[in-house]
Protein backbone atom coordinates (compact mmCIF):
# COMPACT_ATOMS: atom_id res chain seq x y z
CA MET A 1 -23.91 59.07 8.28
CA ARG A 2 -24.09 58.87 4.50
CA PHE A 3 -25.71 55.60 3.40
CA THR A 4 -26.73 53.77 0.24
CA LYS A 5 -29.77 51.51 0.05
CA MET A 6 -29.11 48.44 -2.10
CA HIS A 7 -30.70 45.05 -2.66
CA GLY A 8 -30.02 41.68 -4.21
CA LEU A 9 -33.35 40.24 -5.37
CA GLY A 10 -35.18 42.29 -2.73
CA ASN A 11 -32.89 41.18 0.10
CA ASP A 12 -32.24 44.80 1.07
CA TYR A 13 -29.63 46.36 3.33
CA VAL A 14 -28.39 49.79 4.29
CA TYR A 15 -24.77 50.07 3.13
CA VAL A 16 -22.23 52.47 4.64
CA ASN A 17 -18.86 53.22 3.07
CA LEU A 18 -16.34 53.16 5.93
CA PHE A 19 -13.64 54.34 3.56
CA GLU A 20 -15.33 57.73 4.16
CA GLU A 21 -17.73 57.34 7.13
CA ARG A 22 -17.53 56.16 10.76
CA VAL A 23 -20.05 54.01 12.64
CA GLU A 24 -19.31 53.62 16.35
CA ASN A 25 -22.12 51.24 17.34
CA PRO A 26 -23.13 49.21 14.28
CA ALA A 27 -25.45 46.86 16.19
CA GLN A 28 -27.53 49.76 17.51
CA VAL A 29 -27.47 51.50 14.13
CA ALA A 30 -28.60 48.29 12.42
CA ILE A 31 -31.70 48.07 14.60
CA ALA A 32 -32.57 51.73 14.03
CA VAL A 33 -32.11 51.90 10.26
CA SER A 34 -33.74 48.51 9.58
CA ASP A 35 -37.11 49.51 11.06
CA ARG A 36 -39.50 49.71 8.11
CA HIS A 37 -41.82 52.20 9.85
CA PHE A 38 -39.48 54.50 11.78
CA GLY A 39 -36.17 53.88 10.00
CA ILE A 40 -34.89 53.54 6.45
CA GLY A 41 -36.26 50.01 6.15
CA ALA A 42 -33.97 47.05 5.51
CA ASP A 43 -33.08 43.46 6.39
CA GLY A 44 -30.02 44.85 8.15
CA LEU A 45 -26.88 46.97 7.93
CA ILE A 46 -23.75 46.22 5.88
CA LEU A 47 -20.48 48.07 6.35
CA ILE A 48 -18.00 48.39 3.48
CA CYS A 49 -14.63 48.58 5.21
CA PRO A 50 -10.97 49.05 4.27
CA THR A 51 -8.77 45.98 4.61
CA GLU A 52 -5.21 44.97 3.79
CA VAL A 53 -6.12 41.53 2.40
CA ALA A 54 -8.75 42.36 -0.26
CA ASP A 55 -10.32 45.22 -2.21
CA ALA A 56 -12.82 45.74 0.65
CA ARG A 57 -14.19 44.04 3.74
CA MET A 58 -17.86 43.34 4.45
CA ARG A 59 -19.40 43.38 7.94
CA MET A 60 -23.06 42.40 8.07
CA PHE A 61 -25.58 43.06 10.87
CA ASN A 62 -29.10 41.63 10.93
CA ALA A 63 -32.19 43.71 11.65
CA ASP A 64 -32.05 42.63 15.30
CA GLY A 65 -28.49 43.94 15.65
CA SER A 66 -26.77 40.54 15.67
CA GLU A 67 -23.69 40.23 13.48
CA SER A 68 -23.66 37.47 10.87
CA GLU A 69 -20.68 35.87 9.20
CA MET A 70 -21.83 36.06 5.60
CA CYS A 71 -24.55 37.26 3.22
CA GLY A 72 -24.57 36.13 -0.40
CA ASN A 73 -26.87 38.86 -1.71
CA GLY A 74 -25.00 41.37 0.43
CA VAL A 75 -21.56 40.51 -0.89
CA ARG A 76 -22.78 40.98 -4.49
CA CYS A 77 -24.00 44.47 -3.54
CA VAL A 78 -20.74 45.26 -1.76
CA ALA A 79 -18.86 44.32 -4.94
CA LYS A 80 -21.18 46.47 -7.03
CA TYR A 81 -20.64 49.44 -4.70
CA VAL A 82 -16.86 48.98 -4.74
CA TYR A 83 -16.89 48.73 -8.56
CA ASP A 84 -19.43 51.47 -9.35
CA HIS A 85 -18.02 54.00 -6.85
CA GLY A 86 -14.43 53.60 -7.98
CA ILE A 87 -12.93 51.97 -4.88
CA ALA A 88 -11.69 49.23 -7.21
CA THR A 89 -12.71 48.98 -10.87
CA LYS A 90 -11.26 45.61 -11.82
CA PRO A 91 -13.30 42.94 -13.65
CA GLU A 92 -12.55 40.58 -10.75
CA LEU A 93 -12.75 41.81 -7.15
CA THR A 94 -11.91 40.30 -3.77
CA ILE A 95 -14.07 40.93 -0.70
CA GLU A 96 -13.10 39.89 2.82
CA THR A 97 -16.00 38.32 4.73
CA GLY A 98 -16.57 36.37 7.91
CA ARG A 99 -15.78 33.19 6.03
CA GLY A 100 -12.65 34.45 4.33
CA VAL A 101 -11.78 36.32 1.15
CA LEU A 102 -14.19 35.71 -1.73
CA THR A 103 -13.56 36.34 -5.43
CA LEU A 104 -16.28 38.01 -7.50
CA GLN A 105 -16.56 38.44 -11.25
CA MET A 106 -18.26 41.64 -12.43
CA PHE A 107 -20.65 41.89 -15.40
CA PRO A 108 -21.17 45.59 -16.25
CA ASP A 109 -24.08 47.03 -18.21
CA ALA A 110 -23.90 49.43 -21.18
CA GLN A 111 -23.32 52.34 -18.79
CA GLY A 112 -20.36 50.62 -17.16
CA LYS A 113 -22.18 49.87 -13.92
CA ALA A 114 -22.13 46.37 -12.40
CA ALA A 115 -25.45 44.70 -13.24
CA LYS A 116 -24.71 41.08 -12.39
CA VAL A 117 -22.08 39.45 -10.17
CA ARG A 118 -20.75 35.88 -10.09
CA VAL A 119 -19.40 34.88 -6.69
CA ASN A 120 -17.07 32.09 -5.71
CA MET A 121 -18.82 31.37 -2.41
CA GLY A 122 -16.20 28.95 -1.14
CA THR A 123 -16.63 25.31 -0.23
CA PRO A 124 -19.64 24.15 1.80
CA ILE A 125 -19.07 23.19 5.43
CA LEU A 126 -20.82 19.88 6.16
CA PRO A 127 -19.65 18.36 9.49
CA ALA A 128 -22.59 18.54 11.91
CA GLY A 129 -20.60 20.19 14.69
CA GLU A 130 -19.19 22.86 12.40
CA ILE A 131 -22.53 24.06 11.00
CA PRO A 132 -23.14 24.00 14.03
CA THR A 133 -25.84 21.56 15.16
CA THR A 134 -26.17 19.18 18.08
CA PHE A 135 -26.79 16.20 15.77
CA THR A 136 -24.47 13.34 16.68
CA THR A 137 -24.05 12.10 13.10
CA ASP A 138 -21.02 13.13 11.06
CA ARG A 139 -23.20 14.85 8.44
CA VAL A 140 -26.79 16.09 8.61
CA ILE A 141 -28.13 14.79 5.29
CA ASP A 142 -31.83 13.88 5.10
CA ALA A 143 -31.80 13.57 8.88
CA PRO A 144 -35.19 13.13 10.60
CA LEU A 145 -36.67 16.44 11.69
CA MET A 146 -36.71 17.01 15.43
CA THR A 147 -39.67 15.14 16.91
CA ASP A 148 -41.10 18.10 18.81
CA VAL A 149 -41.19 20.25 15.65
CA ALA A 150 -42.68 17.46 13.54
CA THR A 151 -45.40 16.95 16.17
CA GLN A 152 -46.14 20.66 16.64
CA PHE A 153 -46.62 21.27 12.92
CA ALA A 154 -47.95 17.86 11.85
CA LYS A 155 -51.12 19.33 10.29
CA GLU A 156 -49.27 22.07 8.41
CA PHE A 157 -46.67 19.59 7.16
CA GLU A 158 -49.33 17.19 5.93
CA THR A 159 -51.22 19.95 4.10
CA THR A 160 -48.15 21.26 2.28
CA GLY A 161 -46.44 17.90 1.75
CA VAL A 162 -43.38 18.56 3.90
CA ASP A 163 -40.77 15.81 3.82
CA ALA A 164 -39.93 15.73 7.55
CA ARG A 165 -36.19 15.44 6.97
CA LEU A 166 -33.56 18.15 6.90
CA THR A 167 -30.11 18.69 5.44
CA GLY A 168 -27.64 21.00 7.19
CA VAL A 169 -25.08 23.12 5.36
CA SER A 170 -22.88 26.04 6.37
CA MET A 171 -21.70 28.58 3.84
CA GLY A 172 -19.92 30.45 6.59
CA ASN A 173 -23.34 30.86 8.24
CA PRO A 174 -25.68 28.00 9.23
CA HIS A 175 -28.58 26.68 7.13
CA ILE A 176 -31.08 23.85 7.04
CA VAL A 177 -32.96 22.78 3.90
CA ILE A 178 -36.36 21.04 4.02
CA TYR A 179 -38.36 19.91 0.98
CA CYS A 180 -42.10 20.21 0.48
CA ARG A 181 -44.81 19.89 -2.16
CA ASP A 182 -46.34 23.40 -1.88
CA VAL A 183 -43.87 25.99 -0.63
CA ALA A 184 -46.24 28.92 -1.22
CA ALA A 185 -48.87 27.52 1.16
CA LEU A 186 -46.43 26.81 3.98
CA PRO A 187 -46.98 29.03 7.09
CA LEU A 188 -43.34 30.07 7.25
CA GLU A 189 -44.09 32.91 9.66
CA THR A 190 -44.96 30.40 12.40
CA ILE A 191 -42.61 27.52 11.55
CA GLY A 192 -39.54 29.67 10.83
CA PRO A 193 -38.97 31.16 14.30
CA VAL A 194 -39.47 27.80 16.02
CA LEU A 195 -36.75 26.22 13.90
CA GLU A 196 -34.44 29.25 14.11
CA HIS A 197 -34.36 29.12 17.91
CA HIS A 198 -34.48 25.33 18.36
CA ALA A 199 -31.96 23.86 20.80
CA ALA A 200 -30.55 21.68 18.00
CA PHE A 201 -28.93 24.82 16.56
CA PRO A 202 -26.70 26.51 19.17
CA ARG A 203 -26.04 29.59 17.01
CA ARG A 204 -29.58 29.64 15.62
CA ILE A 205 -30.27 28.69 12.01
CA ASN A 206 -31.42 29.99 8.61
CA VAL A 207 -34.39 27.94 7.40
CA HIS A 208 -35.22 27.16 3.75
CA PHE A 209 -38.24 25.27 2.42
CA VAL A 210 -37.85 24.06 -1.17
CA GLN A 211 -40.27 22.89 -3.85
CA ILE A 212 -38.68 20.96 -6.73
CA HIS A 213 -39.95 21.54 -10.28
CA SER A 214 -37.25 19.56 -12.06
CA PRO A 215 -33.68 18.39 -11.34
CA ASN A 216 -32.49 21.82 -12.54
CA GLU A 217 -35.16 24.14 -11.10
CA VAL A 218 -36.61 24.84 -7.65
CA THR A 219 -38.63 27.45 -5.78
CA MET A 220 -37.54 28.32 -2.24
CA ARG A 221 -38.72 30.43 0.69
CA THR A 222 -36.51 31.59 3.53
CA TRP A 223 -36.70 32.44 7.21
CA GLU A 224 -33.44 34.26 7.98
CA ARG A 225 -31.80 34.14 11.37
CA GLY A 226 -32.24 37.55 12.98
CA SER A 227 -34.35 39.06 10.18
CA GLY A 228 -37.37 36.80 9.60
CA ILE A 229 -38.92 36.22 6.18
CA THR A 230 -36.81 37.78 3.43
CA LEU A 231 -37.23 38.02 -0.33
CA ALA A 232 -33.92 36.30 -1.02
CA CYS A 233 -30.95 34.65 0.67
CA GLY A 234 -27.81 34.04 -1.39
CA THR A 235 -26.01 31.76 1.07
CA GLY A 236 -29.32 29.96 1.54
CA ALA A 237 -29.67 29.38 -2.19
CA CYS A 238 -26.13 27.98 -2.22
CA SER A 239 -27.10 25.65 0.62
CA VAL A 240 -30.16 24.54 -1.34
CA ALA A 241 -27.91 23.73 -4.31
CA VAL A 242 -25.58 21.71 -2.08
CA ALA A 243 -28.42 19.89 -0.32
CA GLY A 244 -30.00 18.97 -3.64
CA VAL A 245 -26.81 17.36 -4.93
CA LEU A 246 -26.08 15.61 -1.62
CA THR A 247 -29.58 14.07 -1.50
CA GLN A 248 -29.64 13.40 -5.29
CA ARG A 249 -32.78 15.51 -5.71
CA THR A 250 -31.27 18.13 -8.05
CA ASN A 251 -28.37 18.47 -10.46
CA GLU A 252 -25.05 20.29 -10.29
CA ILE A 253 -26.44 23.33 -12.14
CA LEU A 254 -29.56 24.79 -10.56
CA LEU A 255 -31.91 27.71 -11.15
CA ALA A 256 -33.49 28.83 -7.88
CA HIS A 257 -36.64 30.97 -7.88
CA LEU A 258 -36.78 33.17 -4.78
CA PRO A 259 -39.59 35.63 -3.95
CA GLY A 260 -37.35 38.50 -5.11
CA GLY A 261 -36.03 36.87 -8.30
CA ASP A 262 -33.75 34.14 -9.61
CA LEU A 263 -30.23 32.94 -8.77
CA GLU A 264 -28.01 30.68 -10.87
CA LEU A 265 -26.05 28.13 -8.83
CA GLU A 266 -23.33 25.58 -9.54
CA TRP A 267 -21.75 22.90 -7.35
CA SER A 268 -19.86 19.82 -8.52
CA GLY A 269 -20.76 17.62 -5.54
CA ARG A 270 -17.12 17.42 -4.44
CA GLU A 271 -16.66 18.83 -0.93
CA THR A 272 -13.35 20.41 -1.96
CA ASP A 273 -15.00 22.42 -4.77
CA PRO A 274 -16.62 25.84 -4.27
CA VAL A 275 -20.21 26.81 -4.86
CA TYR A 276 -20.75 29.48 -7.52
CA MET A 277 -23.66 31.92 -7.36
CA THR A 278 -24.65 34.41 -10.06
CA GLY A 279 -27.26 37.12 -9.63
CA PRO A 280 -28.07 40.83 -9.86
CA ALA A 281 -27.22 43.68 -7.49
CA THR A 282 -29.16 46.94 -7.45
CA GLU A 283 -28.53 50.38 -5.97
CA VAL A 284 -31.80 52.09 -4.95
CA PHE A 285 -31.01 55.45 -3.35
CA THR A 286 -28.61 57.34 -1.10
CA GLY A 287 -29.27 59.56 1.90
CA ASP A 288 -28.11 60.79 5.29
CA TRP A 289 -28.96 59.27 8.68
CA PRO A 290 -28.42 61.24 11.93
CA LEU A 291 -26.17 59.44 14.40
C-alpha cells in the first residue's frame, strides 16, 4: 500500500490514494499504521476516494480504528493532495465528507503547491439531540457540567479556573467546549477520556478547553474522540468559534492558537451561515506499507 504522511498543524494522518490503491480493512489498517512505535505513527488513517459527486471523497479513521464523520485538518490535507498530485487542479475544489460535500479554496505557493486552504465547513449543528447529547434542553449553551465530572475534578478545575459549563456543537462530528483560565496547566490526559466516554454523549465526544486572550484570540487544547490528545483539531476549532459567538465570549472573526499552530475562523452567528476555517496543509513523506 503506497501512502503519504501529511499533517495540518501537527494533526497527522496516513493518507492513501484509492484512485490507485486498495484497502480492504481500513479499520484494522488504521490501528496498525497509527502506532507511533511499531507503525508509521499518526492520529489515524484517511482514504482519498473516487466519487461521482465531488472531486474526491474523504473517509477518516481514528487511531483506534473507529470511523469518524469529519476532520477539518484532514480535509485540508485531502484537498492539498488532490491539487498537488493532479487529481483536480482547480482553484476551488469539492470534497465529499461524512457531513456532505465541502468547498475548499486553494492558496498555492511559488512552486504551485497548495500551502494554505480555506474551507467552507458547513453550518453548525446545535440541537442537543443531533450533536448528539442526552441533555433535555433544545440547545446545549453554557449548560452546567455533569455533576459527577465536576465533583471528580473539583480540585483540578479550581486550580486552572475552569468554568464548569459546557457548550455543545456538531460540525458533522460532536464537540463540547469548556472555558478555563489556564489551559496549559489543565490535566487533559485525565479529564479528556472521562468526558469522551461519559453517558451524556452516546456517540462519545471531542473535548476542547479554551483560554480567552481577547474577543478575537484564544488558545485551545483538544482531547479527540478515538485518538486522545492531538496537536490540532479543525472541526474543534470551528466549534470553539461557534461556542464563543453563542456565549458572547468572542467575536465573529477568531484566531485560535492550537499546540500545532494557528487557525483563522469566521462565523456570523446566524445558524444558517457556514463556518469558514483557513489554515495550512503539509505533506511530509511517502512510503510503502505491507498489507
